[in-house]
């Protein structure tokens, strides 16, 4: 019998798609950023895999922010994965609001380090 972890939202098995987009915690994190960037037209579809959603979504964005969106997608995905691991292995959990702050801090750090792709995205804030 396979072990099926349910650490983040305790609703479904934690597949990559579920961790990145499907669980209630991830959806709350994404909803905050979609709203903040004035991209409410981006709908998170649970039936769609994370990579399929990212590829189809980026096509609907203006070309000038696609690479920034790519960076944001992977940055948020990485931080969601780290959150899952923190909950699994360290029994430490952050709230969606705290995750929002962590994402913003990470973006700021990347921009200070000279990563220009995220600067165009921050212009939408």
PDB file of N, CA and C in Angstrom:
ATOM      1  N   UNK A   1       0.849  -1.185   0.000  1.00  0.00           N
ATOM      2  CA  UNK A   1       0.000   0.000   0.000  1.00  0.00           C
ATOM      3  C   UNK A   1       0.886   1.237   0.000  1.00  0.00           C
ATOM      4  N   UNK A   2       0.617   2.177  -0.885  1.00  0.00           N
ATOM      5  CA  UNK A   2       1.419   3.392  -1.018  1.00  0.00           C
ATOM      6  C   UNK A   2       1.032   4.404   0.061  1.00  0.00           C
ATOM      7  N   UNK A   3       2.033   5.092   0.563  1.00  0.00           N
ATOM      8  CA  UNK A   3       1.813   6.154   1.546  1.00  0.00           C
ATOM      9  C   UNK A   3       1.323   7.392   0.825  1.00  0.00           C
ATOM     10  N   UNK A   4       0.243   7.968   1.282  1.00  0.00           N
ATOM     11  CA  UNK A   4      -0.305   9.179   0.670  1.00  0.00           C
ATOM     12  C   UNK A   4      -0.350  10.276   1.724  1.00  0.00           C
ATOM     13  N   UNK A   5       0.582  11.195   1.617  1.00  0.00           N
ATOM     14  CA  UNK A   5       0.663  12.296   2.565  1.00  0.00           C
ATOM     15  C   UNK A   5      -0.434  13.321   2.289  1.00  0.00           C
ATOM     16  N   UNK A   6      -0.944  13.921   3.351  1.00  0.00           N
ATOM     17  CA  UNK A   6      -1.985  14.944   3.250  1.00  0.00           C
ATOM     18  C   UNK A   6      -1.681  16.056   4.235  1.00  0.00           C
ATOM     19  N   UNK A   7      -0.489  16.591   4.163  1.00  0.00           N
ATOM     20  CA  UNK A   7      -0.015  17.509   5.183  1.00  0.00           C
ATOM     21  C   UNK A   7      -0.585  18.920   5.053  1.00  0.00           C
ATOM     22  N   UNK A   8      -0.611  19.472   3.869  1.00  0.00           N
ATOM     23  CA  UNK A   8      -0.972  20.887   3.738  1.00  0.00           C
ATOM     24  C   UNK A   8      -2.453  21.136   3.998  1.00  0.00           C
ATOM     25  N   UNK A   9      -3.320  20.448   3.289  1.00  0.00           N
ATOM     26  CA  UNK A   9      -4.744  20.762   3.450  1.00  0.00           C
ATOM     27  C   UNK A   9      -5.573  19.587   3.952  1.00  0.00           C
ATOM     28  N   UNK A  10      -4.992  18.417   4.011  1.00  0.00           N
ATOM     29  CA  UNK A  10      -5.671  17.218   4.505  1.00  0.00           C
ATOM     30  C   UNK A  10      -6.946  16.909   3.716  1.00  0.00           C
ATOM     31  N   UNK A  11      -6.926  17.215   2.412  1.00  0.00           N
ATOM     32  CA  UNK A  11      -8.103  16.949   1.590  1.00  0.00           C
ATOM     33  C   UNK A  11      -7.855  15.875   0.543  1.00  0.00           C
ATOM     34  N   UNK A  12      -6.666  15.882  -0.059  1.00  0.00           N
ATOM     35  CA  UNK A  12      -6.338  14.917  -1.098  1.00  0.00           C
ATOM     36  C   UNK A  12      -4.880  14.518  -0.968  1.00  0.00           C
ATOM     37  N   UNK A  13      -4.499  13.484  -1.674  1.00  0.00           N
ATOM     38  CA  UNK A  13      -3.096  13.094  -1.716  1.00  0.00           C
ATOM     39  C   UNK A  13      -2.295  14.246  -2.322  1.00  0.00           C
ATOM     40  N   UNK A  14      -1.090  14.446  -1.824  1.00  0.00           N
ATOM     41  CA  UNK A  14      -0.292  15.596  -2.242  1.00  0.00           C
ATOM     42  C   UNK A  14       0.544  15.303  -3.478  1.00  0.00           C
ATOM     43  N   UNK A  15      -0.094  15.349  -4.611  1.00  0.00           N
ATOM     44  CA  UNK A  15       0.620  15.267  -5.874  1.00  0.00           C
ATOM     45  C   UNK A  15       1.197  16.650  -6.165  1.00  0.00           C
ATOM     46  N   UNK A  16       2.074  16.730  -7.146  1.00  0.00           N
ATOM     47  CA  UNK A  16       2.625  18.028  -7.532  1.00  0.00           C
ATOM     48  C   UNK A  16       1.497  19.000  -7.910  1.00  0.00           C
ATOM     49  N   UNK A  17       0.557  18.527  -8.698  1.00  0.00           N
ATOM     50  CA  UNK A  17      -0.551  19.388  -9.127  1.00  0.00           C
ATOM     51  C   UNK A  17      -1.352  19.883  -7.927  1.00  0.00           C
ATOM     52  N   UNK A  18      -1.578  18.995  -6.977  1.00  0.00           N
ATOM     53  CA  UNK A  18      -2.354  19.383  -5.808  1.00  0.00           C
ATOM     54  C   UNK A  18      -1.598  20.411  -4.964  1.00  0.00           C
ATOM     55  N   UNK A  19      -0.315  20.179  -4.726  1.00  0.00           N
ATOM     56  CA  UNK A  19       0.470  21.109  -3.911  1.00  0.00           C
ATOM     57  C   UNK A  19       0.570  22.476  -4.577  1.00  0.00           C
ATOM     58  N   UNK A  20       0.799  22.521  -5.884  1.00  0.00           N
ATOM     59  CA  UNK A  20       1.002  23.796  -6.578  1.00  0.00           C
ATOM     60  C   UNK A  20      -0.282  24.591  -6.803  1.00  0.00           C
ATOM     61  N   UNK A  21      -1.384  23.904  -7.071  1.00  0.00           N
ATOM     62  CA  UNK A  21      -2.612  24.624  -7.428  1.00  0.00           C
ATOM     63  C   UNK A  21      -3.882  24.120  -6.777  1.00  0.00           C
ATOM     64  N   UNK A  22      -3.940  22.854  -6.446  1.00  0.00           N
ATOM     65  CA  UNK A  22      -5.209  22.257  -6.079  1.00  0.00           C
ATOM     66  C   UNK A  22      -5.653  22.379  -4.640  1.00  0.00           C
ATOM     67  N   UNK A  23      -4.711  22.433  -3.712  1.00  0.00           N
ATOM     68  CA  UNK A  23      -5.140  22.423  -2.311  1.00  0.00           C
ATOM     69  C   UNK A  23      -5.638  23.811  -1.894  1.00  0.00           C
ATOM     70  N   UNK A  24      -6.449  23.832  -0.875  1.00  0.00           N
ATOM     71  CA  UNK A  24      -7.062  25.091  -0.443  1.00  0.00           C
ATOM     72  C   UNK A  24      -6.011  26.116  -0.024  1.00  0.00           C
ATOM     73  N   UNK A  25      -4.926  25.673   0.602  1.00  0.00           N
ATOM     74  CA  UNK A  25      -3.859  26.591   1.010  1.00  0.00           C
ATOM     75  C   UNK A  25      -3.202  27.225  -0.218  1.00  0.00           C
ATOM     76  N   UNK A  26      -2.831  26.403  -1.193  1.00  0.00           N
ATOM     77  CA  UNK A  26      -2.202  26.912  -2.421  1.00  0.00           C
ATOM     78  C   UNK A  26      -3.127  27.852  -3.170  1.00  0.00           C
ATOM     79  N   UNK A  27      -4.394  27.490  -3.243  1.00  0.00           N
ATOM     80  CA  UNK A  27      -5.356  28.331  -3.957  1.00  0.00           C
ATOM     81  C   UNK A  27      -5.500  29.691  -3.277  1.00  0.00           C
ATOM     82  N   UNK A  28      -5.452  29.704  -1.960  1.00  0.00           N
ATOM     83  CA  UNK A  28      -5.533  30.973  -1.230  1.00  0.00           C
ATOM     84  C   UNK A  28      -4.305  31.837  -1.511  1.00  0.00           C
ATOM     85  N   UNK A  29      -3.138  31.212  -1.531  1.00  0.00           N
ATOM     86  CA  UNK A  29      -1.897  31.935  -1.835  1.00  0.00           C
ATOM     87  C   UNK A  29      -1.963  32.507  -3.255  1.00  0.00           C
ATOM     88  N   UNK A  30      -2.343  31.673  -4.215  1.00  0.00           N
ATOM     89  CA  UNK A  30      -2.427  32.116  -5.604  1.00  0.00           C
ATOM     90  C   UNK A  30      -3.470  33.209  -5.788  1.00  0.00           C
ATOM     91  N   UNK A  31      -4.609  33.066  -5.146  1.00  0.00           N
ATOM     92  CA  UNK A  31      -5.674  34.069  -5.287  1.00  0.00           C
ATOM     93  C   UNK A  31      -5.196  35.442  -4.841  1.00  0.00           C
ATOM     94  N   UNK A  32      -4.427  35.489  -3.772  1.00  0.00           N
ATOM     95  CA  UNK A  32      -3.908  36.767  -3.284  1.00  0.00           C
ATOM     96  C   UNK A  32      -2.985  37.405  -4.318  1.00  0.00           C
ATOM     97  N   UNK A  33      -2.120  36.604  -4.935  1.00  0.00           N
ATOM     98  CA  UNK A  33      -1.187  37.161  -5.917  1.00  0.00           C
ATOM     99  C   UNK A  33      -1.868  37.518  -7.231  1.00  0.00           C
ATOM    100  N   UNK A  34      -2.808  36.724  -7.666  1.00  0.00           N
ATOM    101  CA  UNK A  34      -3.559  37.041  -8.886  1.00  0.00           C
ATOM    102  C   UNK A  34      -4.302  38.360  -8.705  1.00  0.00           C
ATOM    103  N   UNK A  35      -4.913  38.542  -7.549  1.00  0.00           N
ATOM    104  CA  UNK A  35      -5.632  39.790  -7.272  1.00  0.00           C
ATOM    105  C   UNK A  35      -4.661  40.961  -7.170  1.00  0.00           C
ATOM    106  N   UNK A  36      -3.573  40.779  -6.451  1.00  0.00           N
ATOM    107  CA  UNK A  36      -2.597  41.855  -6.260  1.00  0.00           C
ATOM    108  C   UNK A  36      -2.039  42.340  -7.601  1.00  0.00           C
ATOM    109  N   UNK A  37      -1.856  41.426  -8.546  1.00  0.00           N
ATOM    110  CA  UNK A  37      -1.295  41.761  -9.847  1.00  0.00           C
ATOM    111  C   UNK A  37      -2.364  42.173 -10.856  1.00  0.00           C
ATOM    112  N   UNK A  38      -3.597  42.284 -10.385  1.00  0.00           N
ATOM    113  CA  UNK A  38      -4.729  42.684 -11.238  1.00  0.00           C
ATOM    114  C   UNK A  38      -4.906  41.717 -12.415  1.00  0.00           C
ATOM    115  N   UNK A  39      -4.751  40.447 -12.117  1.00  0.00           N
ATOM    116  CA  UNK A  39      -4.893  39.407 -13.132  1.00  0.00           C
ATOM    117  C   UNK A  39      -6.041  38.464 -12.778  1.00  0.00           C
ATOM    118  N   UNK A  40      -7.147  39.043 -12.305  1.00  0.00           N
ATOM    119  CA  UNK A  40      -8.276  38.232 -11.860  1.00  0.00           C
ATOM    120  C   UNK A  40      -8.851  37.351 -12.956  1.00  0.00           C
ATOM    121  N   UNK A  41      -8.527  37.647 -14.210  1.00  0.00           N
ATOM    122  CA  UNK A  41      -9.029  36.815 -15.300  1.00  0.00           C
ATOM    123  C   UNK A  41      -8.358  35.440 -15.316  1.00  0.00           C
ATOM    124  N   UNK A  42      -7.254  35.290 -14.565  1.00  0.00           N
ATOM    125  CA  UNK A  42      -6.579  33.996 -14.486  1.00  0.00           C
ATOM    126  C   UNK A  42      -7.333  33.112 -13.513  1.00  0.00           C
ATOM    127  N   UNK A  43      -7.975  32.112 -14.029  1.00  0.00           N
ATOM    128  CA  UNK A  43      -8.787  31.215 -13.215  1.00  0.00           C
ATOM    129  C   UNK A  43      -7.974  29.961 -12.917  1.00  0.00           C
ATOM    130  N   UNK A  44      -7.961  29.572 -11.662  1.00  0.00           N
ATOM    131  CA  UNK A  44      -7.278  28.338 -11.271  1.00  0.00           C
ATOM    132  C   UNK A  44      -8.245  27.178 -11.414  1.00  0.00           C
ATOM    133  N   UNK A  45      -7.973  26.309 -12.362  1.00  0.00           N
ATOM    134  CA  UNK A  45      -8.838  25.164 -12.602  1.00  0.00           C
ATOM    135  C   UNK A  45      -8.266  23.932 -11.930  1.00  0.00           C
ATOM    136  N   UNK A  46      -9.018  23.358 -11.009  1.00  0.00           N
ATOM    137  CA  UNK A  46      -8.542  22.181 -10.288  1.00  0.00           C
ATOM    138  C   UNK A  46      -8.391  20.978 -11.206  1.00  0.00           C
ATOM    139  N   UNK A  47      -9.180  20.911 -12.269  1.00  0.00           N
ATOM    140  CA  UNK A  47      -9.124  19.761 -13.156  1.00  0.00           C
ATOM    141  C   UNK A  47      -7.866  19.783 -14.006  1.00  0.00           C
ATOM    142  N   UNK A  48      -7.236  20.945 -14.120  1.00  0.00           N
ATOM    143  CA  UNK A  48      -6.080  21.102 -14.982  1.00  0.00           C
ATOM    144  C   UNK A  48      -4.799  20.913 -14.170  1.00  0.00           C
ATOM    145  N   UNK A  49      -3.828  20.221 -14.743  1.00  0.00           N
ATOM    146  CA  UNK A  49      -2.547  20.049 -14.068  1.00  0.00           C
ATOM    147  C   UNK A  49      -1.812  21.380 -13.974  1.00  0.00           C
ATOM    148  N   UNK A  50      -0.889  21.468 -13.037  1.00  0.00           N
ATOM    149  CA  UNK A  50      -0.170  22.725 -12.792  1.00  0.00           C
ATOM    150  C   UNK A  50       0.600  23.190 -14.018  1.00  0.00           C
ATOM    151  N   UNK A  51       1.300  22.292 -14.671  1.00  0.00           N
ATOM    152  CA  UNK A  51       2.093  22.684 -15.841  1.00  0.00           C
ATOM    153  C   UNK A  51       1.176  23.096 -16.985  1.00  0.00           C
ATOM    154  N   UNK A  52       0.090  22.377 -17.189  1.00  0.00           N
ATOM    155  CA  UNK A  52      -0.858  22.747 -18.239  1.00  0.00           C
ATOM    156  C   UNK A  52      -1.470  24.116 -17.952  1.00  0.00           C
ATOM    157  N   UNK A  53      -1.813  24.364 -16.673  1.00  0.00           N
ATOM    158  CA  UNK A  53      -2.382  25.667 -16.300  1.00  0.00           C
ATOM    159  C   UNK A  53      -1.372  26.780 -16.564  1.00  0.00           C
ATOM    160  N   UNK A  54      -0.135  26.578 -16.143  1.00  0.00           N
ATOM    161  CA  UNK A  54       0.906  27.592 -16.342  1.00  0.00           C
ATOM    162  C   UNK A  54       1.088  27.888 -17.836  1.00  0.00           C
ATOM    163  N   UNK A  55       1.201  26.845 -18.657  1.00  0.00           N
ATOM    164  CA  UNK A  55       1.425  27.056 -20.096  1.00  0.00           C
ATOM    165  C   UNK A  55       0.249  27.756 -20.770  1.00  0.00           C
ATOM    166  N   UNK A  56      -0.968  27.361 -20.425  1.00  0.00           N
ATOM    167  CA  UNK A  56      -2.132  27.994 -21.057  1.00  0.00           C
ATOM    168  C   UNK A  56      -2.347  29.412 -20.535  1.00  0.00           C
ATOM    169  N   UNK A  57      -2.038  29.639 -19.267  1.00  0.00           N
ATOM    170  CA  UNK A  57      -2.227  30.951 -18.670  1.00  0.00           C
ATOM    171  C   UNK A  57      -1.243  31.959 -19.231  1.00  0.00           C
ATOM    172  N   UNK A  58       0.003  31.578 -19.361  1.00  0.00           N
ATOM    173  CA  UNK A  58       1.026  32.519 -19.833  1.00  0.00           C
ATOM    174  C   UNK A  58       0.733  32.995 -21.254  1.00  0.00           C
ATOM    175  N   UNK A  59       0.063  32.167 -22.060  1.00  0.00           N
ATOM    176  CA  UNK A  59      -0.290  32.566 -23.423  1.00  0.00           C
ATOM    177  C   UNK A  59      -1.303  33.703 -23.440  1.00  0.00           C
ATOM    178  N   UNK A  60      -2.097  33.808 -22.368  1.00  0.00           N
ATOM    179  CA  UNK A  60      -3.123  34.857 -22.305  1.00  0.00           C
ATOM    180  C   UNK A  60      -2.587  36.166 -21.748  1.00  0.00           C
ATOM    181  N   UNK A  61      -1.361  36.162 -21.266  1.00  0.00           N
ATOM    182  CA  UNK A  61      -0.774  37.360 -20.684  1.00  0.00           C
ATOM    183  C   UNK A  61      -0.061  38.191 -21.745  1.00  0.00           C
ATOM    184  N   UNK A  62       0.042  39.496 -21.507  1.00  0.00           N
ATOM    185  CA  UNK A  62       0.839  40.324 -22.431  1.00  0.00           C
ATOM    186  C   UNK A  62       2.279  39.807 -22.475  1.00  0.00           C
ATOM    187  N   UNK A  63       2.892  39.845 -23.652  1.00  0.00           N
ATOM    188  CA  UNK A  63       4.243  39.302 -23.815  1.00  0.00           C
ATOM    189  C   UNK A  63       5.241  39.928 -22.846  1.00  0.00           C
ATOM    190  N   UNK A  64       5.049  41.183 -22.504  1.00  0.00           N
ATOM    191  CA  UNK A  64       6.030  41.869 -21.657  1.00  0.00           C
ATOM    192  C   UNK A  64       6.092  41.319 -20.229  1.00  0.00           C
ATOM    193  N   UNK A  65       5.067  40.587 -19.797  1.00  0.00           N
ATOM    194  CA  UNK A  65       5.120  40.054 -18.429  1.00  0.00           C
ATOM    195  C   UNK A  65       5.152  38.523 -18.376  1.00  0.00           C
ATOM    196  N   UNK A  66       5.222  37.857 -19.524  1.00  0.00           N
ATOM    197  CA  UNK A  66       5.220  36.393 -19.526  1.00  0.00           C
ATOM    198  C   UNK A  66       6.410  35.806 -18.781  1.00  0.00           C
ATOM    199  N   UNK A  67       7.599  36.312 -19.043  1.00  0.00           N
ATOM    200  CA  UNK A  67       8.783  35.768 -18.362  1.00  0.00           C
ATOM    201  C   UNK A  67       8.717  36.061 -16.869  1.00  0.00           C
ATOM    202  N   UNK A  68       8.156  37.194 -16.512  1.00  0.00           N
ATOM    203  CA  UNK A  68       7.984  37.520 -15.094  1.00  0.00           C
ATOM    204  C   UNK A  68       7.005  36.548 -14.452  1.00  0.00           C
ATOM    205  N   UNK A  69       5.920  36.255 -15.158  1.00  0.00           N
ATOM    206  CA  UNK A  69       4.937  35.306 -14.652  1.00  0.00           C
ATOM    207  C   UNK A  69       5.555  33.924 -14.501  1.00  0.00           C
ATOM    208  N   UNK A  70       6.402  33.536 -15.461  1.00  0.00           N
ATOM    209  CA  UNK A  70       7.105  32.254 -15.361  1.00  0.00           C
ATOM    210  C   UNK A  70       7.900  32.202 -14.061  1.00  0.00           C
ATOM    211  N   UNK A  71       8.640  33.266 -13.808  1.00  0.00           N
ATOM    212  CA  UNK A  71       9.457  33.321 -12.589  1.00  0.00           C
ATOM    213  C   UNK A  71       8.582  33.245 -11.346  1.00  0.00           C
ATOM    214  N   UNK A  72       7.480  33.980 -11.361  1.00  0.00           N
ATOM    215  CA  UNK A  72       6.576  33.971 -10.209  1.00  0.00           C
ATOM    216  C   UNK A  72       5.975  32.585  -9.993  1.00  0.00           C
ATOM    217  N   UNK A  73       5.583  31.936 -11.066  1.00  0.00           N
ATOM    218  CA  UNK A  73       5.000  30.601 -10.964  1.00  0.00           C
ATOM    219  C   UNK A  73       5.961  29.641 -10.271  1.00  0.00           C
ATOM    220  N   UNK A  74       7.208  29.645 -10.710  1.00  0.00           N
ATOM    221  CA  UNK A  74       8.174  28.719 -10.120  1.00  0.00           C
ATOM    222  C   UNK A  74       8.608  29.156  -8.734  1.00  0.00           C
ATOM    223  N   UNK A  75       8.668  30.443  -8.478  1.00  0.00           N
ATOM    224  CA  UNK A  75       9.012  30.937  -7.149  1.00  0.00           C
ATOM    225  C   UNK A  75       7.935  30.542  -6.139  1.00  0.00           C
ATOM    226  N   UNK A  76       6.676  30.783  -6.487  1.00  0.00           N
ATOM    227  CA  UNK A  76       5.586  30.401  -5.588  1.00  0.00           C
ATOM    228  C   UNK A  76       5.540  28.880  -5.432  1.00  0.00           C
ATOM    229  N   UNK A  77       5.723  28.168  -6.535  1.00  0.00           N
ATOM    230  CA  UNK A  77       5.745  26.705  -6.457  1.00  0.00           C
ATOM    231  C   UNK A  77       6.829  26.201  -5.531  1.00  0.00           C
ATOM    232  N   UNK A  78       8.016  26.776  -5.603  1.00  0.00           N
ATOM    233  CA  UNK A  78       9.122  26.386  -4.740  1.00  0.00           C
ATOM    234  C   UNK A  78       8.788  26.663  -3.278  1.00  0.00           C
ATOM    235  N   UNK A  79       8.226  27.837  -2.998  1.00  0.00           N
ATOM    236  CA  UNK A  79       7.897  28.171  -1.613  1.00  0.00           C
ATOM    237  C   UNK A  79       6.749  27.307  -1.079  1.00  0.00           C
ATOM    238  N   UNK A  80       5.808  26.938  -1.937  1.00  0.00           N
ATOM    239  CA  UNK A  80       4.744  26.022  -1.512  1.00  0.00           C
ATOM    240  C   UNK A  80       5.328  24.643  -1.204  1.00  0.00           C
ATOM    241  N   UNK A  81       6.279  24.196  -2.013  1.00  0.00           N
ATOM    242  CA  UNK A  81       6.926  22.916  -1.760  1.00  0.00           C
ATOM    243  C   UNK A  81       7.699  22.960  -0.440  1.00  0.00           C
ATOM    244  N   UNK A  82       8.422  24.061  -0.198  1.00  0.00           N
ATOM    245  CA  UNK A  82       9.146  24.204   1.059  1.00  0.00           C
ATOM    246  C   UNK A  82       8.183  24.231   2.244  1.00  0.00           C
ATOM    247  N   UNK A  83       7.022  24.859   2.071  1.00  0.00           N
ATOM    248  CA  UNK A  83       6.011  24.879   3.135  1.00  0.00           C
ATOM    249  C   UNK A  83       5.530  23.466   3.423  1.00  0.00           C
ATOM    250  N   UNK A  84       5.271  22.716   2.381  1.00  0.00           N
ATOM    251  CA  UNK A  84       4.831  21.334   2.549  1.00  0.00           C
ATOM    252  C   UNK A  84       5.876  20.537   3.315  1.00  0.00           C
ATOM    253  N   UNK A  85       7.153  20.719   2.951  1.00  0.00           N
ATOM    254  CA  UNK A  85       8.227  19.997   3.633  1.00  0.00           C
ATOM    255  C   UNK A  85       8.395  20.466   5.071  1.00  0.00           C
ATOM    256  N   UNK A  86       8.231  21.748   5.321  1.00  0.00           N
ATOM    257  CA  UNK A  86       8.299  22.258   6.689  1.00  0.00           C
ATOM    258  C   UNK A  86       7.213  21.653   7.560  1.00  0.00           C
ATOM    259  N   UNK A  87       6.040  21.509   6.995  1.00  0.00           N
ATOM    260  CA  UNK A  87       4.937  20.897   7.743  1.00  0.00           C
ATOM    261  C   UNK A  87       5.171  19.404   7.953  1.00  0.00           C
ATOM    262  N   UNK A  88       5.710  18.756   6.932  1.00  0.00           N
ATOM    263  CA  UNK A  88       5.927  17.315   6.998  1.00  0.00           C
ATOM    264  C   UNK A  88       7.048  16.946   7.953  1.00  0.00           C
ATOM    265  N   UNK A  89       8.187  17.611   7.824  1.00  0.00           N
ATOM    266  CA  UNK A  89       9.378  17.178   8.539  1.00  0.00           C
ATOM    267  C   UNK A  89       9.669  17.965   9.813  1.00  0.00           C
ATOM    268  N   UNK A  90       9.210  19.205   9.894  1.00  0.00           N
ATOM    269  CA  UNK A  90       9.513  20.037  11.061  1.00  0.00           C
ATOM    270  C   UNK A  90       8.286  20.381  11.888  1.00  0.00           C
ATOM    271  N   UNK A  91       7.124  19.962  11.400  1.00  0.00           N
ATOM    272  CA  UNK A  91       5.854  20.269  12.072  1.00  0.00           C
ATOM    273  C   UNK A  91       5.679  21.763  12.302  1.00  0.00           C
ATOM    274  N   UNK A  92       6.121  22.556  11.311  1.00  0.00           N
ATOM    275  CA  UNK A  92       5.989  24.010  11.344  1.00  0.00           C
ATOM    276  C   UNK A  92       5.096  24.432  10.189  1.00  0.00           C
ATOM    277  N   UNK A  93       4.135  25.270  10.482  1.00  0.00           N
ATOM    278  CA  UNK A  93       3.210  25.719   9.445  1.00  0.00           C
ATOM    279  C   UNK A  93       3.119  27.240   9.460  1.00  0.00           C
ATOM    280  N   UNK A  94       3.015  27.799   8.273  1.00  0.00           N
ATOM    281  CA  UNK A  94       2.753  29.226   8.156  1.00  0.00           C
ATOM    282  C   UNK A  94       1.344  29.390   7.610  1.00  0.00           C
ATOM    283  N   UNK A  95       0.776  30.533   7.836  1.00  0.00           N
ATOM    284  CA  UNK A  95      -0.547  30.829   7.281  1.00  0.00           C
ATOM    285  C   UNK A  95      -0.375  31.318   5.843  1.00  0.00           C
ATOM    286  N   UNK A  96      -1.468  31.402   5.123  1.00  0.00           N
ATOM    287  CA  UNK A  96      -1.414  31.942   3.762  1.00  0.00           C
ATOM    288  C   UNK A  96      -0.937  33.387   3.787  1.00  0.00           C
ATOM    289  N   UNK A  97      -1.336  34.144   4.806  1.00  0.00           N
ATOM    290  CA  UNK A  97      -0.890  35.538   4.920  1.00  0.00           C
ATOM    291  C   UNK A  97       0.619  35.606   5.153  1.00  0.00           C
ATOM    292  N   UNK A  98       1.144  34.705   5.983  1.00  0.00           N
ATOM    293  CA  UNK A  98       2.592  34.664   6.204  1.00  0.00           C
ATOM    294  C   UNK A  98       3.320  34.228   4.932  1.00  0.00           C
ATOM    295  N   UNK A  99       2.733  33.291   4.202  1.00  0.00           N
ATOM    296  CA  UNK A  99       3.321  32.855   2.935  1.00  0.00           C
ATOM    297  C   UNK A  99       3.367  34.004   1.942  1.00  0.00           C
ATOM    298  N   UNK A 100       2.345  34.823   1.952  1.00  0.00           N
ATOM    299  CA  UNK A 100       2.292  35.996   1.088  1.00  0.00           C
ATOM    300  C   UNK A 100       3.479  36.925   1.376  1.00  0.00           C
ATOM    301  N   UNK A 101       3.770  37.138   2.637  1.00  0.00           N
ATOM    302  CA  UNK A 101       4.912  37.972   3.033  1.00  0.00           C
ATOM    303  C   UNK A 101       6.220  37.320   2.584  1.00  0.00           C
ATOM    304  N   UNK A 102       6.353  36.015   2.759  1.00  0.00           N
ATOM    305  CA  UNK A 102       7.561  35.307   2.334  1.00  0.00           C
ATOM    306  C   UNK A 102       7.783  35.422   0.826  1.00  0.00           C
ATOM    307  N   UNK A 103       6.711  35.332   0.067  1.00  0.00           N
ATOM    308  CA  UNK A 103       6.812  35.452  -1.388  1.00  0.00           C
ATOM    309  C   UNK A 103       7.283  36.858  -1.750  1.00  0.00           C
ATOM    310  N   UNK A 104       6.684  37.850  -1.138  1.00  0.00           N
ATOM    311  CA  UNK A 104       7.074  39.232  -1.431  1.00  0.00           C
ATOM    312  C   UNK A 104       8.531  39.481  -1.048  1.00  0.00           C
ATOM    313  N   UNK A 105       8.961  38.966   0.091  1.00  0.00           N
ATOM    314  CA  UNK A 105      10.357  39.112   0.512  1.00  0.00           C
ATOM    315  C   UNK A 105      11.306  38.431  -0.472  1.00  0.00           C
ATOM    316  N   UNK A 106      10.921  37.275  -0.959  1.00  0.00           N
ATOM    317  CA  UNK A 106      11.753  36.554  -1.930  1.00  0.00           C
ATOM    318  C   UNK A 106      11.842  37.332  -3.241  1.00  0.00           C
ATOM    319  N   UNK A 107      10.737  37.886  -3.689  1.00  0.00           N
ATOM    320  CA  UNK A 107      10.746  38.700  -4.906  1.00  0.00           C
ATOM    321  C   UNK A 107      11.645  39.912  -4.716  1.00  0.00           C
ATOM    322  N   UNK A 108      11.507  40.577  -3.575  1.00  0.00           N
ATOM    323  CA  UNK A 108      12.358  41.744  -3.294  1.00  0.00           C
ATOM    324  C   UNK A 108      13.840  41.354  -3.308  1.00  0.00           C
ATOM    325  N   UNK A 109      14.169  40.223  -2.717  1.00  0.00           N
ATOM    326  CA  UNK A 109      15.562  39.773  -2.682  1.00  0.00           C
ATOM    327  C   UNK A 109      16.080  39.501  -4.090  1.00  0.00           C
ATOM    328  N   UNK A 110      15.267  38.864  -4.916  1.00  0.00           N
ATOM    329  CA  UNK A 110      15.683  38.591  -6.290  1.00  0.00           C
ATOM    330  C   UNK A 110      15.889  39.893  -7.059  1.00  0.00           C
ATOM    331  N   UNK A 111      15.001  40.862  -6.837  1.00  0.00           N
ATOM    332  CA  UNK A 111      15.135  42.154  -7.529  1.00  0.00           C
ATOM    333  C   UNK A 111      16.389  42.894  -7.071  1.00  0.00           C
ATOM    334  N   UNK A 112      16.671  42.866  -5.784  1.00  0.00           N
ATOM    335  CA  UNK A 112      17.889  43.493  -5.261  1.00  0.00           C
ATOM    336  C   UNK A 112      19.139  42.827  -5.811  1.00  0.00           C
ATOM    337  N   UNK A 113      19.042  41.545  -6.095  1.00  0.00           N
ATOM    338  CA  UNK A 113      20.176  40.814  -6.660  1.00  0.00           C
ATOM    339  C   UNK A 113      20.320  41.070  -8.158  1.00  0.00           C
ATOM    340  N   UNK A 114      19.390  41.836  -8.740  1.00  0.00           N
ATOM    341  CA  UNK A 114      19.504  42.201 -10.144  1.00  0.00           C
ATOM    342  C   UNK A 114      18.674  41.391 -11.110  1.00  0.00           C
ATOM    343  N   UNK A 115      17.805  40.536 -10.607  1.00  0.00           N
ATOM    344  CA  UNK A 115      16.967  39.733 -11.496  1.00  0.00           C
ATOM    345  C   UNK A 115      15.858  40.617 -12.062  1.00  0.00           C
ATOM    346  N   UNK A 116      15.988  41.009 -13.284  1.00  0.00           N
ATOM    347  CA  UNK A 116      15.123  42.023 -13.887  1.00  0.00           C
ATOM    348  C   UNK A 116      13.731  41.514 -14.243  1.00  0.00           C
ATOM    349  N   UNK A 117      13.580  40.210 -14.442  1.00  0.00           N
ATOM    350  CA  UNK A 117      12.295  39.678 -14.882  1.00  0.00           C
ATOM    351  C   UNK A 117      11.171  39.975 -13.896  1.00  0.00           C
ATOM    352  N   UNK A 118      11.468  39.927 -12.624  1.00  0.00           N
ATOM    353  CA  UNK A 118      10.411  40.159 -11.630  1.00  0.00           C
ATOM    354  C   UNK A 118      10.082  41.634 -11.452  1.00  0.00           C
ATOM    355  N   UNK A 119      10.979  42.508 -11.843  1.00  0.00           N
ATOM    356  CA  UNK A 119      10.714  43.947 -11.708  1.00  0.00           C
ATOM    357  C   UNK A 119       9.502  44.377 -12.531  1.00  0.00           C
ATOM    358  N   UNK A 120       9.359  43.858 -13.732  1.00  0.00           N
ATOM    359  CA  UNK A 120       8.207  44.231 -14.566  1.00  0.00           C
ATOM    360  C   UNK A 120       6.906  43.751 -13.948  1.00  0.00           C
ATOM    361  N   UNK A 121       6.971  42.629 -13.266  1.00  0.00           N
ATOM    362  CA  UNK A 121       5.774  42.116 -12.581  1.00  0.00           C
ATOM    363  C   UNK A 121       5.427  42.993 -11.381  1.00  0.00           C
ATOM    364  N   UNK A 122       6.437  43.440 -10.648  1.00  0.00           N
ATOM    365  CA  UNK A 122       6.206  44.300  -9.496  1.00  0.00           C
ATOM    366  C   UNK A 122       5.611  45.636  -9.911  1.00  0.00           C
ATOM    367  N   UNK A 123       5.828  46.039 -11.137  1.00  0.00           N
ATOM    368  CA  UNK A 123       5.243  47.286 -11.639  1.00  0.00           C
ATOM    369  C   UNK A 123       3.721  47.205 -11.671  1.00  0.00           C
ATOM    370  N   UNK A 124       3.173  45.992 -11.706  1.00  0.00           N
ATOM    371  CA  UNK A 124       1.719  45.815 -11.707  1.00  0.00           C
ATOM    372  C   UNK A 124       1.113  46.006 -10.336  1.00  0.00           C
ATOM    373  N   UNK A 125       1.928  45.955  -9.284  1.00  0.00           N
ATOM    374  CA  UNK A 125       1.416  46.057  -7.913  1.00  0.00           C
ATOM    375  C   UNK A 125       0.850  47.432  -7.627  1.00  0.00           C
TER     376      UNK A 125
END
